[in-house]
Amino acid sequence: MKEKQIGFLKKFMALACHYCPVCIYGRKKPQSLAGKLLHHRLHAEHCPFWKAEKAVYEED
C-alpha cells in the first residue's frame, strides 16, 4: 500500500488546530456558535489549519 507523505509544516499546522481551545470546543459542541462557525463552508474551505488538521487526523 502507498502511504501518503505529510510534511512538517502541515503536521505543525494540524497540531495547532487540533489543540486550539476554540476548535476543541467547536468539535465537541457543533450546535454552539463556535461549532457553527468552525463547520461553516467559508471556514472549512479557506482555513489552512483546518485543512491540515483534516488531512493529518483523517480516519480511513
Protein backbone atom coordinates (compact mmCIF):
# COMPACT_ATOMS: atom_id res chain seq x y z
CA MET A 1 0.00 0.00 0.00
CA LYS A 2 1.09 3.51 -0.72
CA GLU A 3 1.34 5.69 2.35
CA LYS A 4 0.74 9.43 1.94
CA GLN A 5 3.58 11.80 2.77
CA ILE A 6 2.73 14.71 5.04
CA GLY A 7 5.27 17.48 5.51
CA PHE A 8 6.49 19.02 8.75
CA LEU A 9 4.68 22.34 8.20
CA LYS A 10 1.35 20.64 7.54
CA LYS A 11 1.78 18.49 10.66
CA PHE A 12 2.59 21.60 12.72
CA MET A 13 -0.46 23.45 11.39
CA ALA A 14 -2.65 20.41 12.09
CA LEU A 15 -1.30 20.24 15.63
CA ALA A 16 -2.13 23.91 16.20
CA CYS A 17 -5.73 23.36 15.05
CA HIS A 18 -6.12 20.04 16.86
CA TYR A 19 -5.19 21.58 20.24
CA CYS A 20 -6.77 25.02 19.71
CA PRO A 21 -9.26 25.67 22.56
CA VAL A 22 -11.83 27.23 20.23
CA CYS A 23 -11.60 24.34 17.76
CA ILE A 24 -11.83 21.74 20.53
CA TYR A 25 -14.96 23.40 21.89
CA GLY A 26 -16.45 23.67 18.39
CA ARG A 27 -15.82 19.99 17.67
CA LYS A 28 -17.33 18.90 20.99
CA LYS A 29 -20.40 21.15 20.67
CA PRO A 30 -21.24 21.56 16.97
CA GLN A 31 -24.54 23.35 17.72
CA SER A 32 -22.79 26.18 19.60
CA LEU A 33 -21.76 29.41 17.87
CA ALA A 34 -18.12 28.27 17.78
CA GLY A 35 -19.16 24.92 16.33
CA LYS A 36 -21.33 26.50 13.65
CA LEU A 37 -18.54 28.88 12.64
CA LEU A 38 -15.99 26.08 12.65
CA HIS A 39 -18.09 23.89 10.35
CA HIS A 40 -19.28 26.75 8.15
CA ARG A 41 -18.45 26.37 4.45
CA LEU A 42 -16.32 29.53 4.28
CA HIS A 43 -14.16 28.46 7.19
CA ALA A 44 -13.84 24.86 6.02
CA GLU A 45 -12.80 25.89 2.50
CA HIS A 46 -10.35 28.68 3.40
CA CYS A 47 -8.65 27.86 6.71
CA PRO A 48 -5.26 26.22 6.07
CA PHE A 49 -5.06 24.98 9.67
CA TRP A 50 -8.47 23.27 9.39
CA LYS A 51 -7.48 21.66 6.07
CA ALA A 52 -4.20 20.42 7.54
CA GLU A 53 -5.99 19.04 10.58
CA LYS A 54 -8.42 17.13 8.36
CA ALA A 55 -5.57 15.75 6.23
CA VAL A 56 -3.44 14.60 9.15
CA TYR A 57 -6.10 13.36 11.57
CA GLU A 58 -8.42 11.95 8.89
CA GLU A 59 -9.68 8.48 9.72
CA ASP A 60 -9.56 5.87 6.98
